[in-house]
Amino acid sequence: MIINDARGGQLLRVGDPGQGVHLLFSTPTRPYGDDPALDMTVRAKGAWVDVSELVRTLDGDGLVEFISSLADASGSWSGPRTWQSSEGQLKISAQRSDGRIVLTWGIWRGVTESESAWYFETVTSHRAEDEMRGFSEAFRALFDGKSEAVA
């Protein structure tokens, strides 16, 4: 899940590059020193799409905890669960379906002086708690800056 990018940084990959769209999350950075703002680039890439957006959070907005909660089999949640970044550039919705966890990833770019607004959404399906535990550990490592490349 954690891979090295061409510039020597690390990325967390969600989804299989050979099957539809996959997502790439960059290592979060603090643009303002000790300020709680934490930025990461999220890129959706596939045969027919290649979009990316800088996602700003406040200390991660609980993303790691949200992903971790999806791996908790004892939580036995049944309805949809959602997470959204504080400025709305990334939204994740999770739903259980036939023993799997289906994640809908939405990336949104607001209007800027030079570009129009756009919204992109894709879906990934994962083997329930086992795969989500791996995502949880990978997100935690990425946010802690302790990730090691794993193909």
N, C-alpha and C. Protein backbone atom coordinates (compact mmCIF):
# COMPACT_ATOMS: atom_id res chain seq x y z
N MET A 1 0.80 -1.19 0.00
CA MET A 1 0.00 0.00 0.00
C MET A 1 0.85 1.27 0.00
N ILE A 2 1.96 1.26 0.75
CA ILE A 2 2.87 2.42 0.74
C ILE A 2 3.90 2.15 -0.35
N ILE A 3 4.04 3.12 -1.26
CA ILE A 3 4.98 2.98 -2.36
C ILE A 3 5.86 4.23 -2.42
N ASN A 4 7.00 4.10 -3.07
CA ASN A 4 7.87 5.26 -3.30
C ASN A 4 7.44 5.95 -4.58
N ASP A 5 7.41 7.28 -4.54
CA ASP A 5 7.10 8.00 -5.78
C ASP A 5 8.40 8.34 -6.49
N ALA A 6 8.29 8.86 -7.69
CA ALA A 6 9.47 9.14 -8.52
C ALA A 6 10.36 10.21 -7.92
N ARG A 7 9.83 11.06 -7.04
CA ARG A 7 10.61 12.15 -6.46
C ARG A 7 11.23 11.78 -5.12
N GLY A 8 11.13 10.51 -4.73
CA GLY A 8 11.74 10.08 -3.48
C GLY A 8 10.82 10.14 -2.28
N GLY A 9 9.61 10.64 -2.45
CA GLY A 9 8.64 10.67 -1.36
C GLY A 9 7.88 9.36 -1.28
N GLN A 10 6.92 9.31 -0.38
CA GLN A 10 6.12 8.11 -0.25
C GLN A 10 4.65 8.43 -0.44
N LEU A 11 3.94 7.45 -1.00
CA LEU A 11 2.52 7.58 -1.28
C LEU A 11 1.79 6.36 -0.72
N LEU A 12 0.57 6.59 -0.31
CA LEU A 12 -0.29 5.48 0.07
C LEU A 12 -1.22 5.24 -1.11
N ARG A 13 -1.23 3.99 -1.61
CA ARG A 13 -2.06 3.65 -2.76
C ARG A 13 -3.28 2.86 -2.28
N VAL A 14 -4.46 3.30 -2.71
CA VAL A 14 -5.72 2.61 -2.43
C VAL A 14 -6.27 2.15 -3.77
N GLY A 15 -6.47 0.86 -3.93
CA GLY A 15 -6.96 0.31 -5.18
C GLY A 15 -5.82 -0.26 -6.01
N ASP A 16 -6.18 -1.02 -7.01
CA ASP A 16 -5.22 -1.70 -7.87
C ASP A 16 -5.05 -0.91 -9.17
N PRO A 17 -3.81 -0.49 -9.49
CA PRO A 17 -3.60 0.29 -10.71
C PRO A 17 -4.04 -0.44 -11.98
N GLY A 18 -4.09 -1.76 -11.95
CA GLY A 18 -4.49 -2.52 -13.12
C GLY A 18 -5.99 -2.68 -13.27
N GLN A 19 -6.74 -2.24 -12.27
CA GLN A 19 -8.19 -2.43 -12.30
C GLN A 19 -8.92 -1.14 -11.99
N GLY A 20 -9.24 -0.39 -13.01
CA GLY A 20 -10.00 0.85 -12.81
C GLY A 20 -9.16 1.96 -12.20
N VAL A 21 -9.80 2.74 -11.36
CA VAL A 21 -9.17 3.91 -10.75
C VAL A 21 -8.54 3.54 -9.42
N HIS A 22 -7.36 4.07 -9.17
CA HIS A 22 -6.75 3.93 -7.85
C HIS A 22 -6.45 5.34 -7.33
N LEU A 23 -6.29 5.43 -6.01
CA LEU A 23 -6.02 6.71 -5.37
C LEU A 23 -4.63 6.71 -4.77
N LEU A 24 -3.99 7.87 -4.80
CA LEU A 24 -2.66 8.04 -4.23
C LEU A 24 -2.71 9.20 -3.24
N PHE A 25 -2.30 8.94 -2.01
CA PHE A 25 -2.27 9.96 -0.96
C PHE A 25 -0.82 10.29 -0.65
N SER A 26 -0.45 11.57 -0.72
CA SER A 26 0.92 11.98 -0.41
C SER A 26 1.11 12.06 1.10
N THR A 27 2.37 12.07 1.51
CA THR A 27 2.68 12.25 2.93
C THR A 27 2.21 13.64 3.35
N PRO A 28 1.42 13.74 4.40
CA PRO A 28 0.92 15.05 4.85
C PRO A 28 2.06 15.96 5.29
N THR A 29 1.90 17.25 5.03
CA THR A 29 2.88 18.26 5.43
C THR A 29 2.18 19.39 6.18
N ARG A 30 2.94 20.11 6.99
CA ARG A 30 2.42 21.27 7.72
C ARG A 30 2.89 22.53 7.01
N PRO A 31 2.01 23.20 6.28
CA PRO A 31 2.43 24.37 5.51
C PRO A 31 2.75 25.59 6.38
N TYR A 32 2.28 25.61 7.61
CA TYR A 32 2.47 26.79 8.47
C TYR A 32 3.16 26.43 9.78
N GLY A 33 4.14 25.58 9.73
CA GLY A 33 4.89 25.23 10.93
C GLY A 33 4.05 24.47 11.94
N ASP A 34 3.91 25.03 13.15
CA ASP A 34 3.18 24.35 14.21
C ASP A 34 1.67 24.53 14.14
N ASP A 35 1.19 25.28 13.17
CA ASP A 35 -0.25 25.47 12.98
C ASP A 35 -0.91 24.09 12.75
N PRO A 36 -2.16 23.91 13.15
CA PRO A 36 -2.80 22.59 12.98
C PRO A 36 -3.12 22.22 11.52
N ALA A 37 -2.97 23.14 10.58
CA ALA A 37 -3.22 22.81 9.17
C ALA A 37 -2.28 21.70 8.73
N LEU A 38 -2.85 20.69 8.10
CA LEU A 38 -2.09 19.54 7.60
C LEU A 38 -2.58 19.27 6.19
N ASP A 39 -1.68 19.35 5.20
CA ASP A 39 -2.05 19.22 3.80
C ASP A 39 -1.53 17.92 3.21
N MET A 40 -2.34 17.32 2.33
CA MET A 40 -1.88 16.17 1.55
C MET A 40 -2.53 16.24 0.18
N THR A 41 -1.80 15.82 -0.81
CA THR A 41 -2.36 15.75 -2.14
C THR A 41 -3.01 14.38 -2.32
N VAL A 42 -4.22 14.38 -2.87
CA VAL A 42 -4.92 13.14 -3.19
C VAL A 42 -5.09 13.11 -4.70
N ARG A 43 -4.66 12.02 -5.31
CA ARG A 43 -4.71 11.89 -6.77
C ARG A 43 -5.53 10.65 -7.13
N ALA A 44 -6.46 10.80 -8.05
CA ALA A 44 -7.22 9.67 -8.61
C ALA A 44 -6.68 9.44 -10.01
N LYS A 45 -6.24 8.20 -10.26
CA LYS A 45 -5.58 7.90 -11.53
C LYS A 45 -6.16 6.62 -12.10
N GLY A 46 -6.40 6.64 -13.39
CA GLY A 46 -6.89 5.47 -14.10
C GLY A 46 -6.70 5.67 -15.59
N ALA A 47 -7.22 4.74 -16.39
CA ALA A 47 -7.07 4.81 -17.84
C ALA A 47 -7.68 6.08 -18.42
N TRP A 48 -8.78 6.57 -17.83
CA TRP A 48 -9.49 7.70 -18.41
C TRP A 48 -9.52 8.92 -17.50
N VAL A 49 -8.80 8.87 -16.40
CA VAL A 49 -8.83 9.99 -15.46
C VAL A 49 -7.48 10.15 -14.78
N ASP A 50 -7.12 11.38 -14.53
CA ASP A 50 -5.94 11.71 -13.74
C ASP A 50 -6.19 13.09 -13.14
N VAL A 51 -6.74 13.12 -11.93
CA VAL A 51 -7.04 14.37 -11.25
C VAL A 51 -6.39 14.35 -9.88
N SER A 52 -6.05 15.52 -9.39
CA SER A 52 -5.50 15.61 -8.04
C SER A 52 -5.94 16.91 -7.40
N GLU A 53 -5.94 16.89 -6.08
CA GLU A 53 -6.33 18.08 -5.33
C GLU A 53 -5.58 18.09 -4.00
N LEU A 54 -5.21 19.28 -3.58
CA LEU A 54 -4.61 19.45 -2.27
C LEU A 54 -5.73 19.46 -1.24
N VAL A 55 -5.64 18.56 -0.27
CA VAL A 55 -6.66 18.45 0.76
C VAL A 55 -6.10 19.02 2.05
N ARG A 56 -6.77 20.01 2.58
CA ARG A 56 -6.35 20.62 3.85
C ARG A 56 -7.20 20.05 4.97
N THR A 57 -6.52 19.62 6.03
CA THR A 57 -7.21 19.13 7.23
C THR A 57 -6.68 19.90 8.43
N LEU A 58 -7.35 19.76 9.54
CA LEU A 58 -6.85 20.25 10.82
C LEU A 58 -6.37 19.04 11.60
N ASP A 59 -5.06 18.86 11.64
CA ASP A 59 -4.45 17.68 12.27
C ASP A 59 -5.04 16.37 11.77
N GLY A 60 -5.42 16.31 10.51
CA GLY A 60 -5.93 15.08 9.90
C GLY A 60 -7.43 14.92 9.98
N ASP A 61 -8.12 15.78 10.72
CA ASP A 61 -9.59 15.73 10.84
C ASP A 61 -10.12 14.36 11.24
N GLY A 62 -9.29 13.55 11.88
CA GLY A 62 -9.76 12.24 12.33
C GLY A 62 -9.80 11.19 11.23
N LEU A 63 -9.10 11.42 10.10
CA LEU A 63 -9.11 10.45 9.00
C LEU A 63 -8.56 9.10 9.43
N VAL A 64 -7.45 9.09 10.13
CA VAL A 64 -6.85 7.83 10.57
C VAL A 64 -7.82 7.08 11.48
N GLU A 65 -8.46 7.80 12.38
CA GLU A 65 -9.41 7.18 13.30
C GLU A 65 -10.64 6.65 12.55
N PHE A 66 -11.09 7.40 11.54
CA PHE A 66 -12.24 6.95 10.74
C PHE A 66 -11.91 5.64 10.04
N ILE A 67 -10.76 5.57 9.37
CA ILE A 67 -10.35 4.34 8.67
C ILE A 67 -10.20 3.21 9.68
N SER A 68 -9.61 3.50 10.85
CA SER A 68 -9.46 2.48 11.89
C SER A 68 -10.81 1.95 12.36
N SER A 69 -11.80 2.83 12.48
CA SER A 69 -13.12 2.39 12.95
C SER A 69 -13.78 1.45 11.96
N LEU A 70 -13.44 1.53 10.69
CA LEU A 70 -14.02 0.64 9.69
C LEU A 70 -13.47 -0.77 9.83
N ALA A 71 -12.30 -0.90 10.43
CA ALA A 71 -11.67 -2.21 10.61
C ALA A 71 -12.15 -2.91 11.87
N ASP A 72 -12.95 -2.23 12.66
CA ASP A 72 -13.39 -2.78 13.93
C ASP A 72 -14.61 -3.68 13.72
N ALA A 73 -14.38 -4.99 13.72
CA ALA A 73 -15.48 -5.95 13.51
C ALA A 73 -16.49 -5.89 14.64
N SER A 74 -16.03 -5.58 15.85
CA SER A 74 -16.94 -5.55 16.99
C SER A 74 -17.88 -4.35 16.94
N GLY A 75 -17.53 -3.34 16.12
CA GLY A 75 -18.38 -2.16 16.00
C GLY A 75 -19.70 -2.46 15.32
N SER A 76 -19.74 -3.49 14.53
CA SER A 76 -20.91 -3.96 13.79
C SER A 76 -21.82 -2.82 13.31
N TRP A 77 -21.25 -1.87 12.61
CA TRP A 77 -22.04 -0.79 12.03
C TRP A 77 -22.72 -1.32 10.77
N SER A 78 -23.91 -0.84 10.54
CA SER A 78 -24.65 -1.35 9.39
C SER A 78 -25.01 -0.25 8.39
N GLY A 79 -25.28 0.94 8.85
CA GLY A 79 -25.62 2.03 7.94
C GLY A 79 -24.37 2.67 7.37
N PRO A 80 -24.54 3.59 6.41
CA PRO A 80 -23.39 4.28 5.84
C PRO A 80 -22.67 5.13 6.89
N ARG A 81 -21.37 5.22 6.76
CA ARG A 81 -20.56 6.07 7.63
C ARG A 81 -19.81 7.02 6.71
N THR A 82 -19.64 8.27 7.16
CA THR A 82 -18.97 9.25 6.30
C THR A 82 -17.90 10.01 7.07
N TRP A 83 -16.95 10.52 6.31
CA TRP A 83 -15.89 11.38 6.82
C TRP A 83 -15.69 12.46 5.76
N GLN A 84 -15.37 13.67 6.21
CA GLN A 84 -15.10 14.76 5.27
C GLN A 84 -13.99 15.64 5.82
N SER A 85 -13.09 16.08 4.95
CA SER A 85 -12.03 17.00 5.38
C SER A 85 -12.66 18.34 5.76
N SER A 86 -11.97 19.09 6.60
CA SER A 86 -12.53 20.32 7.15
C SER A 86 -12.89 21.35 6.08
N GLU A 87 -12.18 21.37 4.96
CA GLU A 87 -12.49 22.32 3.89
C GLU A 87 -13.24 21.66 2.74
N GLY A 88 -13.63 20.39 2.90
CA GLY A 88 -14.51 19.72 1.95
C GLY A 88 -13.89 19.19 0.67
N GLN A 89 -12.57 19.16 0.55
CA GLN A 89 -11.98 18.68 -0.71
C GLN A 89 -12.03 17.16 -0.84
N LEU A 90 -12.19 16.45 0.29
CA LEU A 90 -12.23 14.99 0.25
C LEU A 90 -13.36 14.51 1.14
N LYS A 91 -14.17 13.60 0.59
CA LYS A 91 -15.25 12.99 1.35
C LYS A 91 -15.19 11.49 1.12
N ILE A 92 -15.35 10.72 2.20
CA ILE A 92 -15.34 9.27 2.11
C ILE A 92 -16.63 8.75 2.74
N SER A 93 -17.28 7.86 2.03
CA SER A 93 -18.47 7.20 2.55
C SER A 93 -18.20 5.70 2.56
N ALA A 94 -18.55 5.03 3.66
CA ALA A 94 -18.32 3.59 3.80
C ALA A 94 -19.64 2.88 4.03
N GLN A 95 -19.78 1.72 3.39
CA GLN A 95 -20.99 0.91 3.51
C GLN A 95 -20.57 -0.56 3.50
N ARG A 96 -21.18 -1.36 4.35
CA ARG A 96 -20.95 -2.81 4.30
C ARG A 96 -21.87 -3.40 3.25
N SER A 97 -21.33 -4.38 2.48
CA SER A 97 -22.13 -5.03 1.45
C SER A 97 -21.56 -6.41 1.16
N ASP A 98 -22.33 -7.43 1.42
CA ASP A 98 -21.94 -8.82 1.12
C ASP A 98 -20.56 -9.18 1.68
N GLY A 99 -20.32 -8.86 2.93
CA GLY A 99 -19.06 -9.20 3.58
C GLY A 99 -17.88 -8.33 3.17
N ARG A 100 -18.13 -7.28 2.45
CA ARG A 100 -17.08 -6.36 2.03
C ARG A 100 -17.39 -4.97 2.55
N ILE A 101 -16.39 -4.11 2.51
CA ILE A 101 -16.59 -2.70 2.83
C ILE A 101 -16.37 -1.93 1.54
N VAL A 102 -17.40 -1.21 1.13
CA VAL A 102 -17.37 -0.43 -0.10
C VAL A 102 -17.14 1.03 0.28
N LEU A 103 -16.08 1.61 -0.26
CA LEU A 103 -15.74 3.00 0.03
C LEU A 103 -15.99 3.85 -1.21
N THR A 104 -16.71 4.94 -1.03
CA THR A 104 -16.91 5.92 -2.10
C THR A 104 -16.04 7.12 -1.75
N TRP A 105 -15.15 7.46 -2.66
CA TRP A 105 -14.19 8.54 -2.47
C TRP A 105 -14.60 9.71 -3.36
N GLY A 106 -14.83 10.86 -2.79
CA GLY A 106 -15.19 12.04 -3.56
C GLY A 106 -14.13 13.12 -3.40
N ILE A 107 -13.63 13.62 -4.52
CA ILE A 107 -12.63 14.69 -4.51
C ILE A 107 -13.27 15.91 -5.17
N TRP A 108 -13.18 17.05 -4.50
CA TRP A 108 -13.83 18.26 -4.98
C TRP A 108 -12.84 19.41 -5.04
N ARG A 109 -12.90 20.16 -6.13
CA ARG A 109 -12.11 21.39 -6.24
C ARG A 109 -13.07 22.54 -6.42
N GLY A 110 -12.92 23.52 -5.56
CA GLY A 110 -13.74 24.72 -5.65
C GLY A 110 -13.28 25.63 -6.76
N VAL A 111 -14.00 26.67 -6.99
CA VAL A 111 -13.68 27.63 -8.03
C VAL A 111 -12.45 28.44 -7.62
N THR A 112 -11.51 28.56 -8.55
CA THR A 112 -10.34 29.43 -8.34
C THR A 112 -10.38 30.48 -9.45
N GLU A 113 -9.47 31.40 -9.40
CA GLU A 113 -9.43 32.45 -10.43
C GLU A 113 -9.16 31.87 -11.81
N SER A 114 -8.39 30.79 -11.87
CA SER A 114 -8.00 30.27 -13.18
C SER A 114 -8.72 28.99 -13.59
N GLU A 115 -9.48 28.36 -12.70
CA GLU A 115 -10.13 27.09 -13.03
C GLU A 115 -11.56 27.04 -12.53
N SER A 116 -12.35 26.20 -13.17
CA SER A 116 -13.73 25.97 -12.74
C SER A 116 -13.76 24.91 -11.65
N ALA A 117 -14.86 24.83 -10.94
CA ALA A 117 -15.05 23.79 -9.94
C ALA A 117 -15.28 22.45 -10.63
N TRP A 118 -14.87 21.36 -9.99
CA TRP A 118 -15.16 20.02 -10.48
C TRP A 118 -15.28 19.08 -9.30
N TYR A 119 -15.90 17.92 -9.54
CA TYR A 119 -16.07 16.89 -8.53
C TYR A 119 -15.83 15.55 -9.20
N PHE A 120 -15.04 14.69 -8.55
CA PHE A 120 -14.78 13.35 -9.06
C PHE A 120 -15.08 12.35 -7.96
N GLU A 121 -15.71 11.24 -8.34
CA GLU A 121 -16.05 10.22 -7.36
C GLU A 121 -15.71 8.86 -7.92
N THR A 122 -15.18 7.99 -7.07
CA THR A 122 -14.89 6.61 -7.46
C THR A 122 -15.18 5.70 -6.27
N VAL A 123 -15.30 4.42 -6.56
CA VAL A 123 -15.65 3.44 -5.53
C VAL A 123 -14.58 2.36 -5.50
N THR A 124 -14.20 1.95 -4.29
CA THR A 124 -13.32 0.81 -4.11
C THR A 124 -14.01 -0.17 -3.17
N SER A 125 -13.73 -1.45 -3.35
CA SER A 125 -14.34 -2.49 -2.53
C SER A 125 -13.22 -3.29 -1.86
N HIS A 126 -13.41 -3.57 -0.56
CA HIS A 126 -12.34 -4.18 0.23
C HIS A 126 -12.85 -5.33 1.07
N ARG A 127 -11.98 -6.31 1.28
CA ARG A 127 -12.31 -7.45 2.13
C ARG A 127 -12.44 -6.98 3.57
N ALA A 128 -13.58 -6.69 3.97
CA ALA A 128 -13.97 -6.27 5.33
C ALA A 128 -12.80 -5.88 6.22
N GLU A 129 -12.80 -6.41 7.43
CA GLU A 129 -11.91 -5.93 8.48
C GLU A 129 -10.43 -6.16 8.20
N ASP A 130 -10.07 -7.30 7.59
CA ASP A 130 -8.65 -7.59 7.36
C ASP A 130 -7.98 -6.51 6.50
N GLU A 131 -8.58 -6.21 5.37
CA GLU A 131 -7.99 -5.21 4.48
C GLU A 131 -8.05 -3.82 5.10
N MET A 132 -9.13 -3.52 5.82
CA MET A 132 -9.25 -2.20 6.45
C MET A 132 -8.20 -2.01 7.54
N ARG A 133 -7.84 -3.08 8.24
CA ARG A 133 -6.77 -2.98 9.24
C ARG A 133 -5.46 -2.58 8.56
N GLY A 134 -5.20 -3.15 7.40
CA GLY A 134 -3.99 -2.79 6.64
C GLY A 134 -4.02 -1.32 6.22
N PHE A 135 -5.18 -0.85 5.75
CA PHE A 135 -5.32 0.57 5.39
C PHE A 135 -5.10 1.45 6.61
N SER A 136 -5.68 1.05 7.72
CA SER A 136 -5.56 1.83 8.95
C SER A 136 -4.09 1.98 9.34
N GLU A 137 -3.35 0.88 9.32
CA GLU A 137 -1.92 0.92 9.67
C GLU A 137 -1.14 1.78 8.67
N ALA A 138 -1.48 1.66 7.39
CA ALA A 138 -0.77 2.44 6.36
C ALA A 138 -1.06 3.93 6.51
N PHE A 139 -2.34 4.30 6.74
CA PHE A 139 -2.67 5.72 6.95
C PHE A 139 -1.97 6.25 8.19
N ARG A 140 -1.96 5.47 9.27
CA ARG A 140 -1.29 5.92 10.49
C ARG A 140 0.20 6.14 10.24
N ALA A 141 0.84 5.21 9.54
CA ALA A 141 2.26 5.34 9.23
C ALA A 141 2.51 6.57 8.35
N LEU A 142 1.66 6.79 7.36
CA LEU A 142 1.82 7.95 6.47
C LEU A 142 1.70 9.25 7.27
N PHE A 143 0.69 9.33 8.13
CA PHE A 143 0.48 10.55 8.92
C PHE A 143 1.58 10.73 9.97
N ASP A 144 2.15 9.63 10.48
CA ASP A 144 3.22 9.72 11.47
C ASP A 144 4.57 9.95 10.82
N GLY A 145 4.63 9.84 9.48
CA GLY A 145 5.90 10.01 8.77
C GLY A 145 6.84 8.85 8.96
N LYS A 146 6.30 7.67 9.32
CA LYS A 146 7.13 6.49 9.57
C LYS A 146 6.89 5.39 8.57
N SER A 147 6.38 5.75 7.41
CA SER A 147 6.03 4.73 6.43
C SER A 147 7.29 4.13 5.78
N GLU A 148 7.18 2.85 5.47
CA GLU A 148 8.23 2.16 4.75
C GLU A 148 7.61 1.63 3.48
N ALA A 149 8.37 1.65 2.39
CA ALA A 149 7.81 1.23 1.11
C ALA A 149 7.43 -0.25 1.14
N VAL A 150 6.22 -0.52 0.74
CA VAL A 150 5.71 -1.88 0.62
C VAL A 150 5.00 -1.97 -0.71
N ALA A 151 5.40 -2.87 -1.56
CA ALA A 151 4.79 -2.97 -2.88
C ALA A 151 3.43 -3.60 -2.84
